[in-house]
Amino acid sequence: MSLLSESQMERIEPFFSLAHRVPCVDDRRVLSGIVYVIRNGLQWKDAPKA
């Protein structure tokens, strides 16, 4: 589940880093995790694995 809309992802996509022009990780999943932790005031260890 993504917490960011498609238009939000398109706006920030130019700021993602690429290793040899190939995405290393699923940026949407990473950003959704960051937003979830911040919104819920959690520590990384308390965030759900999914």
PDB file of N, CA and C in Angstrom:
ATOM      1  N   MET A   1       0.836  -1.176   0.000  1.00  0.00           N
ATOM      2  CA  MET A   1       0.000   0.000   0.000  1.00  0.00           C
ATOM      3  C   MET A   1       0.883   1.242   0.000  1.00  0.00           C
ATOM      4  N   SER A   2       0.586   2.145  -0.887  1.00  0.00           N
ATOM      5  CA  SER A   2       1.373   3.364  -0.982  1.00  0.00           C
ATOM      6  C   SER A   2       0.618   4.528  -0.335  1.00  0.00           C
ATOM      7  N   LEU A   3       1.335   5.320   0.409  1.00  0.00           N
ATOM      8  CA  LEU A   3       0.739   6.490   1.046  1.00  0.00           C
ATOM      9  C   LEU A   3       0.854   7.729   0.160  1.00  0.00           C
ATOM     10  N   LEU A   4       1.529   7.584  -0.973  1.00  0.00           N
ATOM     11  CA  LEU A   4       1.714   8.705  -1.888  1.00  0.00           C
ATOM     12  C   LEU A   4       0.952   8.444  -3.182  1.00  0.00           C
ATOM     13  N   SER A   5       0.338   9.488  -3.703  1.00  0.00           N
ATOM     14  CA  SER A   5      -0.397   9.355  -4.967  1.00  0.00           C
ATOM     15  C   SER A   5       0.585   9.322  -6.134  1.00  0.00           C
ATOM     16  N   GLU A   6       0.082   8.942  -7.280  1.00  0.00           N
ATOM     17  CA  GLU A   6       0.912   8.888  -8.483  1.00  0.00           C
ATOM     18  C   GLU A   6       1.460  10.279  -8.828  1.00  0.00           C
ATOM     19  N   SER A   7       0.638  11.306  -8.684  1.00  0.00           N
ATOM     20  CA  SER A   7       1.104  12.666  -9.004  1.00  0.00           C
ATOM     21  C   SER A   7       2.182  13.122  -8.017  1.00  0.00           C
ATOM     22  N   GLN A   8       2.066  12.738  -6.749  1.00  0.00           N
ATOM     23  CA  GLN A   8       3.098  13.085  -5.774  1.00  0.00           C
ATOM     24  C   GLN A   8       4.414  12.392  -6.112  1.00  0.00           C
ATOM     25  N   MET A   9       4.337  11.136  -6.506  1.00  0.00           N
ATOM     26  CA  MET A   9       5.544  10.397  -6.884  1.00  0.00           C
ATOM     27  C   MET A   9       6.209  11.028  -8.106  1.00  0.00           C
ATOM     28  N   GLU A  10       5.417  11.445  -9.072  1.00  0.00           N
ATOM     29  CA  GLU A  10       5.969  12.064 -10.279  1.00  0.00           C
ATOM     30  C   GLU A  10       6.697  13.366  -9.958  1.00  0.00           C
ATOM     31  N   ARG A  11       6.195  14.105  -8.972  1.00  0.00           N
ATOM     32  CA  ARG A  11       6.822  15.385  -8.613  1.00  0.00           C
ATOM     33  C   ARG A  11       8.178  15.198  -7.952  1.00  0.00           C
ATOM     34  N   ILE A  12       8.352  14.136  -7.169  1.00  0.00           N
ATOM     35  CA  ILE A  12       9.611  13.954  -6.448  1.00  0.00           C
ATOM     36  C   ILE A  12      10.564  12.966  -7.108  1.00  0.00           C
ATOM     37  N   GLU A  13      10.115  12.271  -8.139  1.00  0.00           N
ATOM     38  CA  GLU A  13      10.941  11.264  -8.806  1.00  0.00           C
ATOM     39  C   GLU A  13      12.290  11.791  -9.310  1.00  0.00           C
ATOM     40  N   PRO A  14      12.368  13.030  -9.808  1.00  0.00           N
ATOM     41  CA  PRO A  14      13.678  13.518 -10.274  1.00  0.00           C
ATOM     42  C   PRO A  14      14.744  13.575  -9.173  1.00  0.00           C
ATOM     43  N   PHE A  15      14.357  13.521  -7.922  1.00  0.00           N
ATOM     44  CA  PHE A  15      15.302  13.608  -6.814  1.00  0.00           C
ATOM     45  C   PHE A  15      15.828  12.253  -6.360  1.00  0.00           C
ATOM     46  N   PHE A  16      15.297  11.159  -6.912  1.00  0.00           N
ATOM     47  CA  PHE A  16      15.754   9.819  -6.535  1.00  0.00           C
ATOM     48  C   PHE A  16      17.117   9.564  -7.161  1.00  0.00           C
ATOM     49  N   SER A  17      17.970   8.913  -6.392  1.00  0.00           N
ATOM     50  CA  SER A  17      19.286   8.583  -6.943  1.00  0.00           C
ATOM     51  C   SER A  17      19.215   7.249  -7.679  1.00  0.00           C
ATOM     52  N   LEU A  18      20.061   7.124  -8.663  1.00  0.00           N
ATOM     53  CA  LEU A  18      20.136   5.890  -9.442  1.00  0.00           C
ATOM     54  C   LEU A  18      21.573   5.379  -9.408  1.00  0.00           C
ATOM     55  N   ALA A  19      21.720   4.090  -9.256  1.00  0.00           N
ATOM     56  CA  ALA A  19      23.032   3.465  -9.339  1.00  0.00           C
ATOM     57  C   ALA A  19      23.188   2.966 -10.768  1.00  0.00           C
ATOM     58  N   HIS A  20      24.019   3.626 -11.512  1.00  0.00           N
ATOM     59  CA  HIS A  20      24.237   3.270 -12.921  1.00  0.00           C
ATOM     60  C   HIS A  20      22.931   3.324 -13.705  1.00  0.00           C
ATOM     61  N   ARG A  21      22.105   4.305 -13.384  1.00  0.00           N
ATOM     62  CA  ARG A  21      20.819   4.556 -14.065  1.00  0.00           C
ATOM     63  C   ARG A  21      19.790   3.447 -13.851  1.00  0.00           C
ATOM     64  N   VAL A  22      19.979   2.608 -12.844  1.00  0.00           N
ATOM     65  CA  VAL A  22      19.041   1.530 -12.526  1.00  0.00           C
ATOM     66  C   VAL A  22      18.555   1.735 -11.098  1.00  0.00           C
ATOM     67  N   PRO A  23      17.235   1.774 -10.864  1.00  0.00           N
ATOM     68  CA  PRO A  23      16.737   1.929  -9.495  1.00  0.00           C
ATOM     69  C   PRO A  23      17.206   0.772  -8.603  1.00  0.00           C
ATOM     70  N   CYS A  24      17.673   1.098  -7.404  1.00  0.00           N
ATOM     71  CA  CYS A  24      18.185   0.084  -6.470  1.00  0.00           C
ATOM     72  C   CYS A  24      17.060  -0.545  -5.657  1.00  0.00           C
ATOM     73  N   VAL A  25      16.098   0.245  -5.281  1.00  0.00           N
ATOM     74  CA  VAL A  25      15.005  -0.212  -4.422  1.00  0.00           C
ATOM     75  C   VAL A  25      13.691   0.360  -4.944  1.00  0.00           C
ATOM     76  N   ASP A  26      12.603  -0.115  -4.377  1.00  0.00           N
ATOM     77  CA  ASP A  26      11.284   0.414  -4.716  1.00  0.00           C
ATOM     78  C   ASP A  26      11.107   1.736  -3.961  1.00  0.00           C
ATOM     79  N   ASP A  27      11.334   2.844  -4.652  1.00  0.00           N
ATOM     80  CA  ASP A  27      11.292   4.161  -4.012  1.00  0.00           C
ATOM     81  C   ASP A  27       9.949   4.444  -3.360  1.00  0.00           C
ATOM     82  N   ARG A  28       8.873   4.035  -4.002  1.00  0.00           N
ATOM     83  CA  ARG A  28       7.545   4.284  -3.449  1.00  0.00           C
ATOM     84  C   ARG A  28       7.381   3.577  -2.104  1.00  0.00           C
ATOM     85  N   ARG A  29       7.882   2.359  -1.994  1.00  0.00           N
ATOM     86  CA  ARG A  29       7.770   1.604  -0.740  1.00  0.00           C
ATOM     87  C   ARG A  29       8.605   2.260   0.364  1.00  0.00           C
ATOM     88  N   VAL A  30       9.798   2.699   0.025  1.00  0.00           N
ATOM     89  CA  VAL A  30      10.662   3.361   1.002  1.00  0.00           C
ATOM     90  C   VAL A  30      10.017   4.648   1.496  1.00  0.00           C
ATOM     91  N   LEU A  31       9.522   5.474   0.578  1.00  0.00           N
ATOM     92  CA  LEU A  31       8.889   6.737   0.972  1.00  0.00           C
ATOM     93  C   LEU A  31       7.623   6.507   1.787  1.00  0.00           C
ATOM     94  N   SER A  32       6.845   5.506   1.420  1.00  0.00           N
ATOM     95  CA  SER A  32       5.638   5.199   2.185  1.00  0.00           C
ATOM     96  C   SER A  32       6.003   4.802   3.610  1.00  0.00           C
ATOM     97  N   GLY A  33       7.087   4.048   3.764  1.00  0.00           N
ATOM     98  CA  GLY A  33       7.543   3.669   5.098  1.00  0.00           C
ATOM     99  C   GLY A  33       7.968   4.866   5.923  1.00  0.00           C
ATOM    100  N   ILE A  34       8.673   5.785   5.292  1.00  0.00           N
ATOM    101  CA  ILE A  34       9.114   6.995   5.991  1.00  0.00           C
ATOM    102  C   ILE A  34       7.912   7.820   6.432  1.00  0.00           C
ATOM    103  N   VAL A  35       6.962   8.025   5.526  1.00  0.00           N
ATOM    104  CA  VAL A  35       5.757   8.794   5.860  1.00  0.00           C
ATOM    105  C   VAL A  35       4.983   8.106   6.992  1.00  0.00           C
ATOM    106  N   TYR A  36       4.853   6.793   6.930  1.00  0.00           N
ATOM    107  CA  TYR A  36       4.115   6.047   7.960  1.00  0.00           C
ATOM    108  C   TYR A  36       4.754   6.225   9.337  1.00  0.00           C
ATOM    109  N   VAL A  37       6.071   6.105   9.401  1.00  0.00           N
ATOM    110  CA  VAL A  37       6.784   6.243  10.672  1.00  0.00           C
ATOM    111  C   VAL A  37       6.617   7.653  11.227  1.00  0.00           C
ATOM    112  N   ILE A  38       6.757   8.660  10.366  1.00  0.00           N
ATOM    113  CA  ILE A  38       6.640  10.045  10.822  1.00  0.00           C
ATOM    114  C   ILE A  38       5.215  10.351  11.279  1.00  0.00           C
ATOM    115  N   ARG A  39       4.228   9.952  10.498  1.00  0.00           N
ATOM    116  CA  ARG A  39       2.826  10.232  10.846  1.00  0.00           C
ATOM    117  C   ARG A  39       2.414   9.599  12.170  1.00  0.00           C
ATOM    118  N   ASN A  40       2.949   8.415  12.439  1.00  0.00           N
ATOM    119  CA  ASN A  40       2.530   7.688  13.629  1.00  0.00           C
ATOM    120  C   ASN A  40       3.493   7.838  14.803  1.00  0.00           C
ATOM    121  N   GLY A  41       4.520   8.644  14.634  1.00  0.00           N
ATOM    122  CA  GLY A  41       5.464   8.893  15.719  1.00  0.00           C
ATOM    123  C   GLY A  41       6.173   7.632  16.175  1.00  0.00           C
ATOM    124  N   LEU A  42       6.483   6.754  15.254  1.00  0.00           N
ATOM    125  CA  LEU A  42       7.124   5.490  15.587  1.00  0.00           C
ATOM    126  C   LEU A  42       8.634   5.572  15.438  1.00  0.00           C
ATOM    127  N   GLN A  43       9.307   4.583  16.015  1.00  0.00           N
ATOM    128  CA  GLN A  43      10.711   4.358  15.720  1.00  0.00           C
ATOM    129  C   GLN A  43      10.753   3.304  14.623  1.00  0.00           C
ATOM    130  N   TRP A  44      11.849   3.241  13.884  1.00  0.00           N
ATOM    131  CA  TRP A  44      11.936   2.284  12.778  1.00  0.00           C
ATOM    132  C   TRP A  44      11.684   0.862  13.260  1.00  0.00           C
ATOM    133  N   LYS A  45      12.173   0.520  14.441  1.00  0.00           N
ATOM    134  CA  LYS A  45      12.018  -0.850  14.937  1.00  0.00           C
ATOM    135  C   LYS A  45      10.558  -1.191  15.221  1.00  0.00           C
ATOM    136  N   ASP A  46       9.714  -0.190  15.423  1.00  0.00           N
ATOM    137  CA  ASP A  46       8.302  -0.413  15.719  1.00  0.00           C
ATOM    138  C   ASP A  46       7.420  -0.419  14.473  1.00  0.00           C
ATOM    139  N   ALA A  47       7.972  -0.064  13.343  1.00  0.00           N
ATOM    140  CA  ALA A  47       7.181  -0.010  12.100  1.00  0.00           C
ATOM    141  C   ALA A  47       6.915  -1.441  11.615  1.00  0.00           C
ATOM    142  N   PRO A  48       5.735  -1.672  11.047  1.00  0.00           N
ATOM    143  CA  PRO A  48       5.432  -3.006  10.520  1.00  0.00           C
ATOM    144  C   PRO A  48       6.357  -3.357   9.349  1.00  0.00           C
ATOM    145  N   LYS A  49       6.672  -4.628   9.201  1.00  0.00           N
ATOM    146  CA  LYS A  49       7.560  -5.067   8.110  1.00  0.00           C
ATOM    147  C   LYS A  49       6.964  -4.788   6.749  1.00  0.00           C
ATOM    148  N   ALA A  50       5.654  -4.885   6.612  1.00  0.00           N
ATOM    149  CA  ALA A  50       4.990  -4.643   5.337  1.00  0.00           C
ATOM    150  C   ALA A  50       4.936  -3.168   5.057  1.00  0.00           C
TER     151      ALA A  50
END
